[in-house]
Amino acid sequence: MTPRCGLVAVLGAPNAGKSTLVNALVGQKVAIVSPKAQTTRARLMGIAIEGEAQILLVDTPGIFSPNRRLDRAMVRAAWEGAEDADRVVLVIDAAAKVGARVEDMLHGVEERAEPKILVLNKVDIAKKDDLLVLAARLSERLRPEAVFMISATTGDGVPELKAQLAADMPEGPWHFPEDQLTDVTDRMVAAELTREQLYHQLHAELPYASAVATEKWEDRKDGSTVIHQQIMVERDSQKAIVVGKGGARLKAIGQAARAEISEHLGRKVHLFLHVKVNPRWGEDRGLYEDIGLDWAD
């Protein structure tokens, strides 16, 4: 059979389930997942294989109305992720109301010519009658090439979507080795996995304004890796939340992150975390490069 390879941009409003869907299509975790909105910040590529097709999935930041520089960089990254895509997968949270953020995204999608597939996610918790009405309304508005009702969490409907994407990919050689699951560097993945633990353990307490950067990386002769990371927050009160009483919370975050990073790298990891207060970390050009975003004016 002839090999196929193409680019699929996964678009959606914050918390639509894009990262969960990318992980489900790849068959392994390549993007961090959190109940906190706007978790994905940069364009992260997951690489899925289906038969003779290699599907390059770009998990984009959620599209919303940007205010800060970081917000503008994230939204620009999302739209740029769709520009050269062979298919755009538009993910809608079928269990939530179509609010202002979703409307902003839908308006932008309507103006674009890329071939679209509409995915209604979280059907396992959506009301059936509301789901059918939403599907009919969005289909009429967007004119997608196909509509899928799925649950990225349970996997329901994901194989059918994956098969459709594989069939849609253009003929051509694969761009990556068969065993490669993502194009993201290990340094970036390590920082993302630590940030994921911040959200998991502190999502109700820690505001969105935090970031993680990998400062130092040393591969030792004994096969282990030493990683130093800096967690940046905007205020002293946020630092106190991250550190916790007697450093207990930071220790728990570090232990969980180290386990995730070690599993990703397949070797022992020594992880050292430091929390820094910087009210203007969102204006640090170097940080944007570390987290895979372009500087936004």
C-alpha atoms as a PDB file:
ATOM      1  CA  MET A   1       0.000   0.000   0.000  1.00  0.00           C
ATOM      2  CA  THR A   2       1.080   3.595  -0.607  1.00  0.00           C
ATOM      3  CA  PRO A   3       2.250   5.482   2.489  1.00  0.00           C
ATOM      4  CA  ARG A   4       0.369   8.591   3.528  1.00  0.00           C
ATOM      5  CA  CYS A   5       1.408  11.515   5.704  1.00  0.00           C
ATOM      6  CA  GLY A   6      -0.294  14.778   6.546  1.00  0.00           C
ATOM      7  CA  LEU A   7      -0.818  17.529   9.088  1.00  0.00           C
ATOM      8  CA  VAL A   8      -3.945  17.828  11.226  1.00  0.00           C
ATOM      9  CA  ALA A   9      -4.564  20.953  13.323  1.00  0.00           C
ATOM     10  CA  VAL A  10      -6.722  20.376  16.394  1.00  0.00           C
ATOM     11  CA  LEU A  11      -8.566  23.608  17.195  1.00  0.00           C
ATOM     12  CA  GLY A  12     -11.034  24.472  19.898  1.00  0.00           C
ATOM     13  CA  ALA A  13     -11.896  26.791  22.740  1.00  0.00           C
ATOM     14  CA  PRO A  14     -10.120  26.307  26.094  1.00  0.00           C
ATOM     15  CA  ASN A  15     -11.084  23.088  27.890  1.00  0.00           C
ATOM     16  CA  ALA A  16     -12.761  21.500  24.874  1.00  0.00           C
ATOM     17  CA  GLY A  17     -10.623  18.369  25.341  1.00  0.00           C
ATOM     18  CA  LYS A  18      -8.098  18.879  22.535  1.00  0.00           C
ATOM     19  CA  SER A  19      -5.092  17.509  24.435  1.00  0.00           C
ATOM     20  CA  THR A  20      -7.049  14.493  25.669  1.00  0.00           C
ATOM     21  CA  LEU A  21      -8.088  13.795  22.074  1.00  0.00           C
ATOM     22  CA  VAL A  22      -4.524  14.090  20.751  1.00  0.00           C
ATOM     23  CA  ASN A  23      -3.316  11.670  23.431  1.00  0.00           C
ATOM     24  CA  ALA A  24      -6.118   9.254  22.556  1.00  0.00           C
ATOM     25  CA  LEU A  25      -5.297   9.369  18.836  1.00  0.00           C
ATOM     26  CA  VAL A  26      -1.573   8.869  19.455  1.00  0.00           C
ATOM     27  CA  GLY A  27      -2.278   6.074  21.937  1.00  0.00           C
ATOM     28  CA  GLN A  28       0.062   7.545  24.526  1.00  0.00           C
ATOM     29  CA  LYS A  29       0.369  10.729  26.540  1.00  0.00           C
ATOM     30  CA  VAL A  30       2.154  13.451  24.568  1.00  0.00           C
ATOM     31  CA  ALA A  31       0.206  16.538  25.744  1.00  0.00           C
ATOM     32  CA  ILE A  32      -0.547  17.602  29.299  1.00  0.00           C
ATOM     33  CA  VAL A  33      -4.151  17.460  30.433  1.00  0.00           C
ATOM     34  CA  SER A  34      -5.791  19.542  33.125  1.00  0.00           C
ATOM     35  CA  PRO A  35      -9.309  20.613  34.116  1.00  0.00           C
ATOM     36  CA  LYS A  36      -7.910  24.163  34.161  1.00  0.00           C
ATOM     37  CA  ALA A  37      -8.624  26.097  30.959  1.00  0.00           C
ATOM     38  CA  GLN A  38      -5.814  27.235  28.637  1.00  0.00           C
ATOM     39  CA  THR A  39      -3.431  24.478  29.739  1.00  0.00           C
ATOM     40  CA  THR A  40      -1.810  24.014  26.326  1.00  0.00           C
ATOM     41  CA  ARG A  41       0.330  27.032  25.506  1.00  0.00           C
ATOM     42  CA  ALA A  42       2.407  26.110  22.468  1.00  0.00           C
ATOM     43  CA  ARG A  43       1.879  24.101  19.296  1.00  0.00           C
ATOM     44  CA  LEU A  44       2.650  20.536  20.349  1.00  0.00           C
ATOM     45  CA  MET A  45       2.757  17.771  17.765  1.00  0.00           C
ATOM     46  CA  GLY A  46       1.613  14.243  18.449  1.00  0.00           C
ATOM     47  CA  ILE A  47       2.359  11.575  15.850  1.00  0.00           C
ATOM     48  CA  ALA A  48      -0.308   8.924  15.274  1.00  0.00           C
ATOM     49  CA  ILE A  49      -0.051   5.834  13.074  1.00  0.00           C
ATOM     50  CA  GLU A  50      -3.037   4.205  11.396  1.00  0.00           C
ATOM     51  CA  GLY A  51      -2.239   1.537   8.836  1.00  0.00           C
ATOM     52  CA  GLU A  52      -0.002   3.091   6.183  1.00  0.00           C
ATOM     53  CA  ALA A  53      -0.804   6.627   7.318  1.00  0.00           C
ATOM     54  CA  GLN A  54       1.225   8.858   9.625  1.00  0.00           C
ATOM     55  CA  ILE A  55      -0.971  11.601  11.101  1.00  0.00           C
ATOM     56  CA  LEU A  56       0.847  14.660  12.456  1.00  0.00           C
ATOM     57  CA  LEU A  57      -1.469  16.137  15.073  1.00  0.00           C
ATOM     58  CA  VAL A  58      -0.880  19.724  16.130  1.00  0.00           C
ATOM     59  CA  ASP A  59      -2.416  20.273  19.575  1.00  0.00           C
ATOM     60  CA  THR A  60      -2.936  24.032  19.561  1.00  0.00           C
ATOM     61  CA  PRO A  61      -3.626  26.404  22.447  1.00  0.00           C
ATOM     62  CA  GLY A  62      -7.283  27.117  23.047  1.00  0.00           C
ATOM     63  CA  ILE A  63      -8.679  30.026  21.050  1.00  0.00           C
ATOM     64  CA  PHE A  64     -10.076  32.847  23.163  1.00  0.00           C
ATOM     65  CA  SER A  65     -10.097  36.655  23.282  1.00  0.00           C
ATOM     66  CA  PRO A  66      -6.499  37.606  24.151  1.00  0.00           C
ATOM     67  CA  ASN A  67      -5.575  40.361  26.580  1.00  0.00           C
ATOM     68  CA  ARG A  68      -1.990  39.874  27.740  1.00  0.00           C
ATOM     69  CA  ARG A  69       1.078  39.307  25.580  1.00  0.00           C
ATOM     70  CA  LEU A  70       1.110  35.609  26.482  1.00  0.00           C
ATOM     71  CA  ASP A  71      -2.557  35.315  25.523  1.00  0.00           C
ATOM     72  CA  ARG A  72      -1.884  36.921  22.138  1.00  0.00           C
ATOM     73  CA  ALA A  73       1.060  34.614  21.498  1.00  0.00           C
ATOM     74  CA  MET A  74      -1.062  31.561  22.346  1.00  0.00           C
ATOM     75  CA  VAL A  75      -3.960  32.531  20.094  1.00  0.00           C
ATOM     76  CA  ARG A  76      -1.609  33.373  17.228  1.00  0.00           C
ATOM     77  CA  ALA A  77       0.038  29.966  17.664  1.00  0.00           C
ATOM     78  CA  ALA A  78      -3.366  28.310  17.422  1.00  0.00           C
ATOM     79  CA  TRP A  79      -4.317  29.981  14.138  1.00  0.00           C
ATOM     80  CA  GLU A  80      -0.853  29.463  12.661  1.00  0.00           C
ATOM     81  CA  GLY A  81      -1.172  25.771  13.469  1.00  0.00           C
ATOM     82  CA  ALA A  82      -4.090  25.583  11.041  1.00  0.00           C
ATOM     83  CA  GLU A  83      -2.524  27.453   8.146  1.00  0.00           C
ATOM     84  CA  ASP A  84      -0.712  24.559   6.467  1.00  0.00           C
ATOM     85  CA  ALA A  85      -2.929  21.752   7.746  1.00  0.00           C
ATOM     86  CA  ASP A  86      -4.344  19.107   5.436  1.00  0.00           C
ATOM     87  CA  ARG A  87      -7.299  18.859   7.797  1.00  0.00           C
ATOM     88  CA  VAL A  88      -8.596  20.994  10.658  1.00  0.00           C
ATOM     89  CA  VAL A  89     -10.317  19.125  13.481  1.00  0.00           C
ATOM     90  CA  LEU A  90     -12.628  21.494  15.310  1.00  0.00           C
ATOM     91  CA  VAL A  91     -13.311  20.217  18.834  1.00  0.00           C
ATOM     92  CA  ILE A  92     -16.445  21.419  20.621  1.00  0.00           C
ATOM     93  CA  ASP A  93     -17.371  20.597  24.229  1.00  0.00           C
ATOM     94  CA  ALA A  94     -20.800  19.082  23.624  1.00  0.00           C
ATOM     95  CA  ALA A  95     -21.628  19.114  27.338  1.00  0.00           C
ATOM     96  CA  ALA A  96     -21.191  22.892  27.720  1.00  0.00           C
ATOM     97  CA  LYS A  97     -23.093  25.873  26.424  1.00  0.00           C
ATOM     98  CA  VAL A  98     -21.792  27.682  23.360  1.00  0.00           C
ATOM     99  CA  GLY A  99     -20.453  30.783  25.079  1.00  0.00           C
ATOM    100  CA  ALA A 100     -18.516  33.830  23.937  1.00  0.00           C
ATOM    101  CA  ARG A 101     -15.185  31.979  23.659  1.00  0.00           C
ATOM    102  CA  VAL A 102     -16.656  29.305  21.417  1.00  0.00           C
ATOM    103  CA  GLU A 103     -18.403  31.957  19.315  1.00  0.00           C
ATOM    104  CA  ASP A 104     -15.103  33.806  18.820  1.00  0.00           C
ATOM    105  CA  MET A 105     -13.492  30.618  17.596  1.00  0.00           C
ATOM    106  CA  LEU A 106     -16.400  29.636  15.350  1.00  0.00           C
ATOM    107  CA  HIS A 107     -16.357  33.064  13.728  1.00  0.00           C
ATOM    108  CA  GLY A 108     -12.658  32.660  12.953  1.00  0.00           C
ATOM    109  CA  VAL A 109     -13.130  29.149  11.586  1.00  0.00           C
ATOM    110  CA  GLU A 110     -15.970  30.246   9.305  1.00  0.00           C
ATOM    111  CA  GLU A 111     -13.610  32.621   7.517  1.00  0.00           C
ATOM    112  CA  ARG A 112     -10.979  29.965   6.808  1.00  0.00           C
ATOM    113  CA  ALA A 113     -10.881  27.654   3.804  1.00  0.00           C
ATOM    114  CA  GLU A 114      -9.058  24.650   5.309  1.00  0.00           C
ATOM    115  CA  PRO A 115     -11.011  21.367   5.115  1.00  0.00           C
ATOM    116  CA  LYS A 116     -12.783  20.899   8.448  1.00  0.00           C
ATOM    117  CA  ILE A 117     -13.941  17.945  10.512  1.00  0.00           C
ATOM    118  CA  LEU A 118     -16.339  18.742  13.352  1.00  0.00           C
ATOM    119  CA  VAL A 119     -15.810  16.762  16.548  1.00  0.00           C
ATOM    120  CA  LEU A 120     -18.367  16.986  19.333  1.00  0.00           C
ATOM    121  CA  ASN A 121     -16.495  15.824  22.420  1.00  0.00           C
ATOM    122  CA  LYS A 122     -17.656  14.712  25.885  1.00  0.00           C
ATOM    123  CA  VAL A 123     -20.773  13.017  24.512  1.00  0.00           C
ATOM    124  CA  ASP A 124     -20.637  10.657  27.489  1.00  0.00           C
ATOM    125  CA  ILE A 125     -21.819  13.499  29.742  1.00  0.00           C
ATOM    126  CA  ALA A 126     -23.856  15.522  27.249  1.00  0.00           C
ATOM    127  CA  LYS A 127     -27.665  15.434  27.032  1.00  0.00           C
ATOM    128  CA  LYS A 128     -28.674  13.526  23.904  1.00  0.00           C
ATOM    129  CA  ASP A 129     -31.372  15.975  22.761  1.00  0.00           C
ATOM    130  CA  ASP A 130     -29.045  18.959  23.194  1.00  0.00           C
ATOM    131  CA  LEU A 131     -26.305  17.060  21.362  1.00  0.00           C
ATOM    132  CA  LEU A 132     -28.413  16.438  18.285  1.00  0.00           C
ATOM    133  CA  VAL A 133     -29.551  20.066  18.129  1.00  0.00           C
ATOM    134  CA  LEU A 134     -25.951  21.290  18.489  1.00  0.00           C
ATOM    135  CA  ALA A 135     -24.723  18.925  15.777  1.00  0.00           C
ATOM    136  CA  ALA A 136     -27.399  20.080  13.341  1.00  0.00           C
ATOM    137  CA  ARG A 137     -26.811  23.772  14.047  1.00  0.00           C
ATOM    138  CA  LEU A 138     -23.021  23.629  13.740  1.00  0.00           C
ATOM    139  CA  SER A 139     -23.159  21.432  10.648  1.00  0.00           C
ATOM    140  CA  GLU A 140     -25.360  23.961   8.885  1.00  0.00           C
ATOM    141  CA  ARG A 141     -23.132  26.836   9.976  1.00  0.00           C
ATOM    142  CA  LEU A 142     -19.681  25.369   9.304  1.00  0.00           C
ATOM    143  CA  ARG A 143     -20.361  22.917   6.474  1.00  0.00           C
ATOM    144  CA  PRO A 144     -17.761  20.385   7.724  1.00  0.00           C
ATOM    145  CA  GLU A 145     -16.674  17.437   5.603  1.00  0.00           C
ATOM    146  CA  ALA A 146     -17.614  15.062   8.422  1.00  0.00           C
ATOM    147  CA  VAL A 147     -19.058  15.128  11.949  1.00  0.00           C
ATOM    148  CA  PHE A 148     -17.960  12.816  14.765  1.00  0.00           C
ATOM    149  CA  MET A 149     -19.487  12.438  18.212  1.00  0.00           C
ATOM    150  CA  ILE A 150     -16.856  11.152  20.600  1.00  0.00           C
ATOM    151  CA  SER A 151     -15.597  10.945  24.137  1.00  0.00           C
ATOM    152  CA  ALA A 152     -11.840  11.488  24.154  1.00  0.00           C
ATOM    153  CA  THR A 153     -11.776  10.391  27.798  1.00  0.00           C
ATOM    154  CA  THR A 154     -13.477   7.008  27.296  1.00  0.00           C
ATOM    155  CA  GLY A 155     -12.257   6.505  23.721  1.00  0.00           C
ATOM    156  CA  ASP A 156     -15.753   6.162  22.319  1.00  0.00           C
ATOM    157  CA  GLY A 157     -15.754   7.192  18.648  1.00  0.00           C
ATOM    158  CA  VAL A 158     -11.996   7.866  18.556  1.00  0.00           C
ATOM    159  CA  PRO A 159     -11.076   4.864  16.322  1.00  0.00           C
ATOM    160  CA  GLU A 160     -13.600   5.968  13.710  1.00  0.00           C
ATOM    161  CA  LEU A 161     -12.208   9.516  13.745  1.00  0.00           C
ATOM    162  CA  LYS A 162      -8.663   8.188  13.459  1.00  0.00           C
ATOM    163  CA  ALA A 163      -9.609   6.025  10.483  1.00  0.00           C
ATOM    164  CA  GLN A 164     -11.174   9.051   8.758  1.00  0.00           C
ATOM    165  CA  LEU A 165      -8.074  11.166   9.341  1.00  0.00           C
ATOM    166  CA  ALA A 166      -5.825   8.397   7.999  1.00  0.00           C
ATOM    167  CA  ALA A 167      -7.911   8.155   4.827  1.00  0.00           C
ATOM    168  CA  ASP A 168      -7.757  11.942   4.395  1.00  0.00           C
ATOM    169  CA  MET A 169      -3.963  12.165   4.542  1.00  0.00           C
ATOM    170  CA  PRO A 170      -2.242  12.816   1.213  1.00  0.00           C
ATOM    171  CA  GLU A 171       0.038  10.210  -0.316  1.00  0.00           C
ATOM    172  CA  GLY A 172       3.683  10.690   0.552  1.00  0.00           C
ATOM    173  CA  PRO A 173       6.543   9.389   2.714  1.00  0.00           C
ATOM    174  CA  TRP A 174       6.394   9.493   6.498  1.00  0.00           C
ATOM    175  CA  HIS A 175       8.146  12.480   8.081  1.00  0.00           C
ATOM    176  CA  PHE A 176       9.166  10.753  11.326  1.00  0.00           C
ATOM    177  CA  PRO A 177      10.388   7.299  12.405  1.00  0.00           C
ATOM    178  CA  GLU A 178       7.651   4.818  13.282  1.00  0.00           C
ATOM    179  CA  ASP A 179       8.495   4.827  17.011  1.00  0.00           C
ATOM    180  CA  GLN A 180       8.534   8.629  17.437  1.00  0.00           C
ATOM    181  CA  LEU A 181       5.412   9.968  19.154  1.00  0.00           C
ATOM    182  CA  THR A 182       6.102  13.706  19.277  1.00  0.00           C
ATOM    183  CA  ASP A 183       8.401  16.381  17.865  1.00  0.00           C
ATOM    184  CA  VAL A 184       8.636  18.225  21.184  1.00  0.00           C
ATOM    185  CA  THR A 185      12.069  18.262  22.855  1.00  0.00           C
ATOM    186  CA  ASP A 186      12.629  16.381  26.094  1.00  0.00           C
ATOM    187  CA  ARG A 187      13.421  19.688  27.832  1.00  0.00           C
ATOM    188  CA  MET A 188      10.036  21.091  26.886  1.00  0.00           C
ATOM    189  CA  VAL A 189       8.205  17.891  27.812  1.00  0.00           C
ATOM    190  CA  ALA A 190       9.900  17.892  31.230  1.00  0.00           C
ATOM    191  CA  ALA A 191       8.778  21.467  31.879  1.00  0.00           C
ATOM    192  CA  GLU A 192       5.246  20.663  30.689  1.00  0.00           C
ATOM    193  CA  LEU A 193       5.002  17.626  32.965  1.00  0.00           C
ATOM    194  CA  THR A 194       5.971  19.723  35.973  1.00  0.00           C
ATOM    195  CA  ARG A 195       3.440  22.388  34.971  1.00  0.00           C
ATOM    196  CA  GLU A 196       0.817  19.676  34.711  1.00  0.00           C
ATOM    197  CA  GLN A 197       1.471  18.724  38.341  1.00  0.00           C
ATOM    198  CA  LEU A 198       1.069  22.361  39.367  1.00  0.00           C
ATOM    199  CA  TYR A 199      -2.378  22.333  37.813  1.00  0.00           C
ATOM    200  CA  HIS A 200      -3.332  18.927  39.191  1.00  0.00           C
ATOM    201  CA  GLN A 201      -2.310  19.718  42.752  1.00  0.00           C
ATOM    202  CA  LEU A 202      -3.096  23.438  42.930  1.00  0.00           C
ATOM    203  CA  HIS A 203      -5.614  24.164  40.176  1.00  0.00           C
ATOM    204  CA  ALA A 204      -8.141  25.611  42.630  1.00  0.00           C
ATOM    205  CA  GLU A 205      -5.541  27.744  44.408  1.00  0.00           C
ATOM    206  CA  LEU A 206      -2.927  28.724  41.838  1.00  0.00           C
ATOM    207  CA  PRO A 207      -3.921  31.250  39.167  1.00  0.00           C
ATOM    208  CA  TYR A 208      -3.220  30.833  35.487  1.00  0.00           C
ATOM    209  CA  ALA A 209      -0.215  33.166  35.793  1.00  0.00           C
ATOM    210  CA  SER A 210       2.522  30.590  36.360  1.00  0.00           C
ATOM    211  CA  ALA A 211       5.175  29.032  34.150  1.00  0.00           C
ATOM    212  CA  VAL A 212       7.915  26.397  34.299  1.00  0.00           C
ATOM    213  CA  ALA A 213      11.275  26.622  32.551  1.00  0.00           C
ATOM    214  CA  THR A 214      14.023  23.986  32.416  1.00  0.00           C
ATOM    215  CA  GLU A 215      17.203  25.817  33.427  1.00  0.00           C
ATOM    216  CA  LYS A 216      19.775  23.018  33.533  1.00  0.00           C
ATOM    217  CA  TRP A 217      19.925  19.517  32.053  1.00  0.00           C
ATOM    218  CA  GLU A 218      22.745  17.048  32.654  1.00  0.00           C
ATOM    219  CA  ASP A 219      22.863  13.465  31.377  1.00  0.00           C
ATOM    220  CA  ARG A 220      25.143  11.562  33.759  1.00  0.00           C
ATOM    221  CA  LYS A 221      27.465   8.684  32.934  1.00  0.00           C
ATOM    222  CA  ASP A 222      25.443   6.378  35.191  1.00  0.00           C
ATOM    223  CA  GLY A 223      22.469   6.781  32.812  1.00  0.00           C
ATOM    224  CA  SER A 224      20.467   9.152  35.000  1.00  0.00           C
ATOM    225  CA  THR A 225      19.528  12.764  34.235  1.00  0.00           C
ATOM    226  CA  VAL A 226      19.744  15.792  36.518  1.00  0.00           C
ATOM    227  CA  ILE A 227      17.152  18.499  35.781  1.00  0.00           C
ATOM    228  CA  HIS A 228      16.838  21.922  37.398  1.00  0.00           C
ATOM    229  CA  GLN A 229      13.596  23.766  36.774  1.00  0.00           C
ATOM    230  CA  GLN A 230      12.285  27.165  37.773  1.00  0.00           C
ATOM    231  CA  ILE A 231       8.623  27.723  38.598  1.00  0.00           C
ATOM    232  CA  MET A 232       7.654  31.339  38.005  1.00  0.00           C
ATOM    233  CA  VAL A 233       4.751  33.073  39.723  1.00  0.00           C
ATOM    234  CA  GLU A 234       3.727  36.711  39.902  1.00  0.00           C
ATOM    235  CA  ARG A 235       3.342  37.288  43.662  1.00  0.00           C
ATOM    236  CA  ASP A 236       4.829  36.209  46.989  1.00  0.00           C
ATOM    237  CA  SER A 237       1.447  34.836  48.049  1.00  0.00           C
ATOM    238  CA  GLN A 238       1.497  32.500  45.025  1.00  0.00           C
ATOM    239  CA  LYS A 239       4.992  31.332  45.927  1.00  0.00           C
ATOM    240  CA  ALA A 240       3.769  30.447  49.408  1.00  0.00           C
ATOM    241  CA  ILE A 241       0.990  28.331  47.863  1.00  0.00           C
ATOM    242  CA  VAL A 242       3.402  26.437  45.612  1.00  0.00           C
ATOM    243  CA  VAL A 243       5.979  25.847  48.354  1.00  0.00           C
ATOM    244  CA  GLY A 244       3.434  24.905  51.019  1.00  0.00           C
ATOM    245  CA  LYS A 245       3.975  24.502  54.740  1.00  0.00           C
ATOM    246  CA  GLY A 246       7.541  23.473  55.376  1.00  0.00           C
ATOM    247  CA  GLY A 247       8.035  22.938  51.630  1.00  0.00           C
ATOM    248  CA  ALA A 248       5.601  19.997  51.628  1.00  0.00           C
ATOM    249  CA  ARG A 249       3.620  21.029  48.555  1.00  0.00           C
ATOM    250  CA  LEU A 250       6.685  21.716  46.427  1.00  0.00           C
ATOM    251  CA  LYS A 251       8.096  18.349  47.465  1.00  0.00           C
ATOM    252  CA  ALA A 252       4.886  16.576  46.436  1.00  0.00           C
ATOM    253  CA  ILE A 253       4.846  18.396  43.096  1.00  0.00           C
ATOM    254  CA  GLY A 254       8.473  17.463  42.512  1.00  0.00           C
ATOM    255  CA  GLN A 255       7.937  13.789  43.383  1.00  0.00           C
ATOM    256  CA  ALA A 256       4.972  13.443  41.029  1.00  0.00           C
ATOM    257  CA  ALA A 257       6.694  15.369  38.223  1.00  0.00           C
ATOM    258  CA  ARG A 258       9.888  13.355  38.618  1.00  0.00           C
ATOM    259  CA  ALA A 259       7.942  10.108  38.239  1.00  0.00           C
ATOM    260  CA  GLU A 260       6.249  11.378  35.055  1.00  0.00           C
ATOM    261  CA  ILE A 261       9.500  12.698  33.564  1.00  0.00           C
ATOM    262  CA  SER A 262      11.342   9.485  34.438  1.00  0.00           C
ATOM    263  CA  GLU A 263       8.655   7.431  32.703  1.00  0.00           C
ATOM    264  CA  HIS A 264       8.839   9.682  29.641  1.00  0.00           C
ATOM    265  CA  LEU A 265      12.639   9.494  29.409  1.00  0.00           C
ATOM    266  CA  GLY A 266      12.893   5.838  30.401  1.00  0.00           C
ATOM    267  CA  ARG A 267      15.606   6.479  32.984  1.00  0.00           C
ATOM    268  CA  LYS A 268      16.180   7.716  36.525  1.00  0.00           C
ATOM    269  CA  VAL A 269      15.700  11.451  37.009  1.00  0.00           C
ATOM    270  CA  HIS A 270      16.961  13.801  39.720  1.00  0.00           C
ATOM    271  CA  LEU A 271      14.616  16.800  39.682  1.00  0.00           C
ATOM    272  CA  PHE A 272      15.285  20.060  41.508  1.00  0.00           C
ATOM    273  CA  LEU A 273      12.581  22.732  41.631  1.00  0.00           C
ATOM    274  CA  HIS A 274      12.987  26.393  42.531  1.00  0.00           C
ATOM    275  CA  VAL A 275      10.166  28.934  42.829  1.00  0.00           C
ATOM    276  CA  LYS A 276      10.818  32.510  41.717  1.00  0.00           C
ATOM    277  CA  VAL A 277       8.577  35.556  42.037  1.00  0.00           C
ATOM    278  CA  ASN A 278       8.617  37.738  38.925  1.00  0.00           C
ATOM    279  CA  PRO A 279       5.593  40.000  38.325  1.00  0.00           C
ATOM    280  CA  ARG A 280       6.718  40.446  34.711  1.00  0.00           C
ATOM    281  CA  TRP A 281       7.653  36.915  33.718  1.00  0.00           C
ATOM    282  CA  GLY A 282       5.100  37.207  30.900  1.00  0.00           C
ATOM    283  CA  GLU A 283       7.383  39.825  29.308  1.00  0.00           C
ATOM    284  CA  ASP A 284      10.467  37.572  29.228  1.00  0.00           C
ATOM    285  CA  ARG A 285      11.418  36.866  25.597  1.00  0.00           C
ATOM    286  CA  GLY A 286      13.634  33.941  26.589  1.00  0.00           C
ATOM    287  CA  LEU A 287      10.762  32.210  28.351  1.00  0.00           C
ATOM    288  CA  TYR A 288       8.625  32.345  25.210  1.00  0.00           C
ATOM    289  CA  GLU A 289      11.334  30.474  23.348  1.00  0.00           C
ATOM    290  CA  ASP A 290      11.553  27.906  26.158  1.00  0.00           C
ATOM    291  CA  ILE A 291       7.838  27.133  26.017  1.00  0.00           C
ATOM    292  CA  GLY A 292       7.699  27.127  22.192  1.00  0.00           C
ATOM    293  CA  LEU A 293       5.879  30.391  21.496  1.00  0.00           C
ATOM    294  CA  ASP A 294       6.728  33.331  19.289  1.00  0.00           C
ATOM    295  CA  TRP A 295       7.018  36.770  20.874  1.00  0.00           C
ATOM    296  CA  ALA A 296       3.683  38.550  20.334  1.00  0.00           C
ATOM    297  CA  ASP A 297       3.483  42.323  19.945  1.00  0.00           C
END
